[in-house]
Amino acid sequence: MKPRGLLFTLAAMCVFNLTGYLFIHWNRKHVVIAFALISALIVAGYFVLFFYWQGRNWARILVILDSIAALYGLRYVPRYGALQQAIIVGEALLGAYLIYWLNTRAVRDFFRNRDFEKQA
């Protein structure tokens, strides 16, 4: 049985994943390269989120690492406008919650048991 909060955290990460497009400078010379790179990162993010929903522990670990990166990203808040600042702060708040929640016993057990079931 999936732990309470899994759907909420998945949905929040899916929304924040798409906000990467809001950080593209559309009037810059190499916008096509930036768009392609961000698109590739977004697709990779959804790949991880699919396995997060499936309960794979490696995906849980990647989400924790991404949450740490989101907290580190707070240092870039002054560089952006209000919308991007709100996104960075929102991702950091979600990241702080995920670091806590993904390390609770019930959630850790869910992910570890799901990995074990896949191998059996």
Protein backbone atom coordinates (compact mmCIF):
# COMPACT_ATOMS: atom_id res chain seq x y z
CA MET A 1 0.00 0.00 0.00
CA LYS A 2 1.36 3.40 -0.99
CA PRO A 3 2.10 5.75 1.91
CA ARG A 4 -0.11 8.73 2.59
CA GLY A 5 1.33 11.79 0.87
CA LEU A 6 2.90 9.98 -2.08
CA LEU A 7 0.34 11.32 -4.58
CA PHE A 8 0.64 14.88 -3.23
CA THR A 9 4.44 14.87 -3.41
CA LEU A 10 4.35 13.33 -6.89
CA ALA A 11 1.89 15.96 -8.15
CA ALA A 12 3.90 18.81 -6.64
CA MET A 13 7.12 17.55 -8.21
CA CYS A 14 5.38 17.11 -11.59
CA VAL A 15 4.25 20.75 -11.52
CA PHE A 16 7.63 22.09 -10.38
CA ASN A 17 9.34 19.98 -13.04
CA LEU A 18 7.58 21.92 -15.79
CA THR A 19 8.55 25.29 -14.32
CA GLY A 20 12.02 24.80 -15.73
CA TYR A 21 10.74 26.43 -18.90
CA LEU A 22 10.12 29.65 -16.97
CA PHE A 23 13.88 30.06 -16.46
CA ILE A 24 14.70 30.17 -20.19
CA HIS A 25 15.77 33.56 -21.53
CA TRP A 26 13.74 33.46 -24.74
CA ASN A 27 15.50 36.43 -26.33
CA ARG A 28 19.03 35.01 -26.04
CA LYS A 29 21.12 33.76 -28.95
CA HIS A 30 21.26 30.07 -27.97
CA VAL A 31 17.65 29.67 -26.86
CA VAL A 32 17.21 26.48 -28.90
CA ILE A 33 20.07 24.79 -27.04
CA ALA A 34 18.71 25.97 -23.68
CA PHE A 35 15.23 24.73 -24.61
CA ALA A 36 16.58 21.33 -25.69
CA LEU A 37 18.68 20.93 -22.54
CA ILE A 38 15.85 21.90 -20.21
CA SER A 39 13.45 19.66 -22.11
CA ALA A 40 15.85 16.72 -21.72
CA LEU A 41 16.13 17.40 -17.98
CA ILE A 42 12.35 17.59 -17.67
CA VAL A 43 11.91 14.27 -19.48
CA ALA A 44 14.57 12.70 -17.24
CA GLY A 45 12.74 14.12 -14.23
CA TYR A 46 9.47 12.49 -15.29
CA PHE A 47 11.32 9.21 -15.82
CA VAL A 48 12.51 9.33 -12.20
CA LEU A 49 9.05 10.38 -10.99
CA PHE A 50 7.45 7.39 -12.74
CA PHE A 51 9.67 5.05 -10.75
CA TYR A 52 9.15 7.14 -7.61
CA TRP A 53 5.43 6.43 -7.96
CA GLN A 54 6.26 2.75 -8.46
CA GLY A 55 8.16 2.77 -5.15
CA ARG A 56 11.70 2.26 -6.38
CA ASN A 57 14.25 3.16 -3.71
CA TRP A 58 16.80 4.52 -6.19
CA ALA A 59 14.16 7.05 -7.31
CA ARG A 60 13.57 8.02 -3.65
CA ILE A 61 17.31 8.64 -3.27
CA LEU A 62 17.41 10.77 -6.44
CA VAL A 63 14.44 12.81 -5.15
CA ILE A 64 16.31 13.37 -1.87
CA LEU A 65 19.41 14.51 -3.78
CA ASP A 66 17.28 16.82 -5.92
CA SER A 67 15.71 18.20 -2.74
CA ILE A 68 19.16 19.04 -1.40
CA ALA A 69 19.90 20.81 -4.70
CA ALA A 70 16.63 22.76 -4.34
CA LEU A 71 17.74 23.99 -0.92
CA TYR A 72 21.11 24.99 -2.39
CA GLY A 73 19.23 26.84 -5.14
CA LEU A 74 17.96 29.36 -2.59
CA ARG A 75 21.22 31.24 -3.02
CA TYR A 76 20.11 32.18 -6.55
CA VAL A 77 16.86 33.88 -5.49
CA PRO A 78 18.21 37.47 -5.88
CA ARG A 79 19.10 36.86 -9.54
CA TYR A 80 15.51 36.38 -10.71
CA GLY A 81 12.16 38.10 -10.90
CA ALA A 82 9.25 37.52 -8.54
CA LEU A 83 7.77 34.50 -10.36
CA GLN A 84 11.06 32.63 -10.54
CA GLN A 85 11.81 33.58 -6.92
CA ALA A 86 8.49 32.07 -5.84
CA ILE A 87 9.29 28.89 -7.76
CA ILE A 88 12.75 28.58 -6.20
CA VAL A 89 11.36 29.11 -2.69
CA GLY A 90 8.47 26.72 -3.34
CA GLU A 91 10.84 24.02 -4.58
CA ALA A 92 13.06 24.53 -1.53
CA LEU A 93 10.07 24.23 0.82
CA LEU A 94 8.96 21.06 -0.93
CA GLY A 95 12.55 19.82 -0.86
CA ALA A 96 12.85 20.38 2.89
CA TYR A 97 9.60 18.49 3.42
CA LEU A 98 10.70 15.64 1.14
CA ILE A 99 14.04 15.25 2.93
CA TYR A 100 12.12 14.76 6.16
CA TRP A 101 9.18 12.72 4.80
CA LEU A 102 11.19 10.37 2.60
CA ASN A 103 13.29 9.42 5.61
CA THR A 104 10.41 8.51 7.92
CA ARG A 105 10.30 4.82 8.77
CA ALA A 106 6.99 4.04 7.02
CA VAL A 107 8.02 5.73 3.77
CA ARG A 108 11.53 4.24 3.78
CA ASP A 109 10.04 0.80 4.39
CA PHE A 110 7.59 1.25 1.51
CA PHE A 111 10.38 2.06 -0.94
CA ARG A 112 12.72 -0.65 0.31
CA ASN A 113 9.99 -3.30 0.31
CA ARG A 114 8.96 -2.35 -3.23
CA ASP A 115 12.53 -2.80 -4.45
CA PHE A 116 12.71 -6.19 -2.75
CA GLU A 117 9.39 -7.29 -4.32
CA LYS A 118 10.69 -6.36 -7.80
CA GLN A 119 13.74 -8.59 -7.34
CA ALA A 120 11.80 -11.62 -6.05
